[in-house]
Amino acid sequence: MTKLAGAKDGKPFVKNDPRINKAGRPKKLPDLDELLKEVLGEEIKGKVAMKLILLALRQKAMKGDVRAGELIMDRGYGKLVTKKDIDLNLETMSEADIDRVIEKLSNTTKHE
């Protein structure tokens, strides 16, 4: 008989085997969503903790902390789209495809 990994006696599991942990591995951490609600919703000195955090970030941003400003802007308005380098092989494209690419590129640059 082949020994199975983790089986102390080398026997495979069978139905209702007492070695089977039906409850599964115990959870080590509480649910993160619930924990965040509890921690960030807690009142400190009459204000909600999340508001205090945002006020602290705003204060840092106003003092010149670029990262704090980026964080607030990203959360409030969404992250900015980053530009990607495009490698086009124009020799294999039709004129119509090239025209469409040029049109898309010219529309993209007008909005920036």
Protein backbone atom coordinates (compact mmCIF):
# COMPACT_ATOMS: atom_id res chain seq x y z
CA MET A 1 0.00 0.00 0.00
CA THR A 2 1.25 3.48 -0.85
CA LYS A 3 1.66 5.92 2.02
CA LEU A 4 -0.33 9.13 1.61
CA ALA A 5 1.07 12.50 2.56
CA GLY A 6 -0.23 13.56 5.96
CA ALA A 7 -1.67 10.20 6.93
CA LYS A 8 0.12 9.03 10.07
CA ASP A 9 -0.68 5.38 9.61
CA GLY A 10 -0.43 5.34 5.82
CA LYS A 11 -4.09 4.38 5.32
CA PRO A 12 -6.29 6.44 2.98
CA PHE A 13 -9.32 8.23 4.37
CA VAL A 14 -12.64 6.39 4.24
CA LYS A 15 -16.18 7.64 4.85
CA ASN A 16 -16.67 8.80 8.49
CA ASP A 17 -12.96 8.36 9.25
CA PRO A 18 -12.29 9.93 12.69
CA ARG A 19 -9.10 11.53 11.33
CA ILE A 20 -11.13 13.80 9.01
CA ASN A 21 -11.44 17.35 10.33
CA LYS A 22 -14.92 18.22 9.06
CA ALA A 23 -14.87 21.68 10.64
CA GLY A 24 -11.77 22.54 8.62
CA ARG A 25 -8.87 24.64 9.75
CA PRO A 26 -9.96 27.15 12.38
CA LYS A 27 -10.02 30.73 11.19
CA LYS A 28 -7.07 32.67 12.51
CA LEU A 29 -8.40 36.15 11.79
CA PRO A 30 -11.86 37.63 11.92
CA ASP A 31 -13.47 38.75 8.66
CA LEU A 32 -11.53 41.78 7.41
CA ASP A 33 -14.63 43.66 6.23
CA GLU A 34 -16.23 43.43 9.65
CA LEU A 35 -13.00 44.43 11.36
CA LEU A 36 -12.59 47.47 9.12
CA LYS A 37 -16.17 48.55 9.77
CA GLU A 38 -15.60 48.27 13.49
CA VAL A 39 -12.21 50.00 13.57
CA LEU A 40 -12.89 52.77 11.04
CA GLY A 41 -16.41 53.41 12.32
CA GLU A 42 -15.30 53.84 15.94
CA GLU A 43 -15.83 57.28 17.45
CA ILE A 44 -12.75 59.05 18.80
CA LYS A 45 -13.23 62.43 20.46
CA GLY A 46 -16.67 62.74 18.90
CA LYS A 47 -15.52 62.00 15.32
CA VAL A 48 -15.55 58.80 13.29
CA ALA A 49 -12.05 57.30 12.98
CA MET A 50 -12.16 57.23 9.16
CA LYS A 51 -12.91 60.95 9.07
CA LEU A 52 -9.93 61.61 11.32
CA ILE A 53 -7.72 59.57 9.01
CA LEU A 54 -8.93 61.50 5.97
CA LEU A 55 -8.39 64.81 7.75
CA ALA A 56 -4.84 63.75 8.66
CA LEU A 57 -4.16 62.77 5.03
CA ARG A 58 -5.55 66.09 3.84
CA GLN A 59 -3.33 67.95 6.29
CA LYS A 60 -0.25 66.05 5.07
CA ALA A 61 -1.19 66.75 1.44
CA MET A 62 -1.60 70.44 2.17
CA LYS A 63 1.90 70.48 3.72
CA GLY A 64 3.34 69.11 0.48
CA ASP A 65 3.20 65.33 0.98
CA VAL A 66 2.59 64.27 -2.62
CA ARG A 67 1.86 60.66 -1.73
CA ALA A 68 -0.89 61.69 0.69
CA GLY A 69 -2.41 63.89 -2.01
CA GLU A 70 -2.26 61.07 -4.56
CA LEU A 71 -3.91 58.69 -2.13
CA ILE A 72 -6.82 61.04 -1.47
CA MET A 73 -7.26 61.83 -5.16
CA ASP A 74 -7.07 58.16 -6.19
CA ARG A 75 -9.69 57.17 -3.64
CA GLY A 76 -11.95 60.12 -4.32
CA TYR A 77 -11.77 60.34 -8.11
CA GLY A 78 -10.25 57.04 -9.22
CA LYS A 79 -6.71 56.35 -10.31
CA LEU A 80 -5.44 58.15 -13.37
CA VAL A 81 -5.00 56.07 -16.48
CA THR A 82 -1.34 55.41 -17.11
CA LYS A 83 0.05 55.63 -20.60
CA LYS A 84 1.34 52.49 -22.22
CA ASP A 85 3.94 52.13 -24.90
CA ILE A 86 2.49 50.67 -28.08
CA ASP A 87 4.56 48.76 -30.57
CA LEU A 88 2.75 48.82 -33.92
CA ASN A 89 3.98 47.14 -37.05
CA LEU A 90 2.55 49.50 -39.66
CA GLU A 91 3.89 47.41 -42.53
CA THR A 92 1.40 44.60 -41.81
CA MET A 93 -1.59 46.92 -41.25
CA SER A 94 -4.06 48.05 -43.89
CA GLU A 95 -4.49 51.76 -44.57
CA ALA A 96 -7.94 51.64 -42.95
CA ASP A 97 -6.45 50.13 -39.77
CA ILE A 98 -3.72 52.78 -39.70
CA ASP A 99 -6.35 55.51 -40.13
CA ARG A 100 -8.35 54.08 -37.20
CA VAL A 101 -5.24 54.04 -34.99
CA ILE A 102 -4.41 57.62 -35.91
CA GLU A 103 -8.01 58.67 -35.21
CA LYS A 104 -8.00 56.99 -31.78
CA LEU A 105 -4.62 58.50 -30.88
CA SER A 106 -5.71 61.98 -31.92
CA ASN A 107 -8.92 61.67 -29.86
CA THR A 108 -6.95 60.47 -26.83
CA THR A 109 -4.47 63.34 -26.92
CA LYS A 110 -7.24 65.97 -27.19
CA HIS A 111 -8.68 64.97 -23.79
CA GLU A 112 -5.37 65.10 -21.90
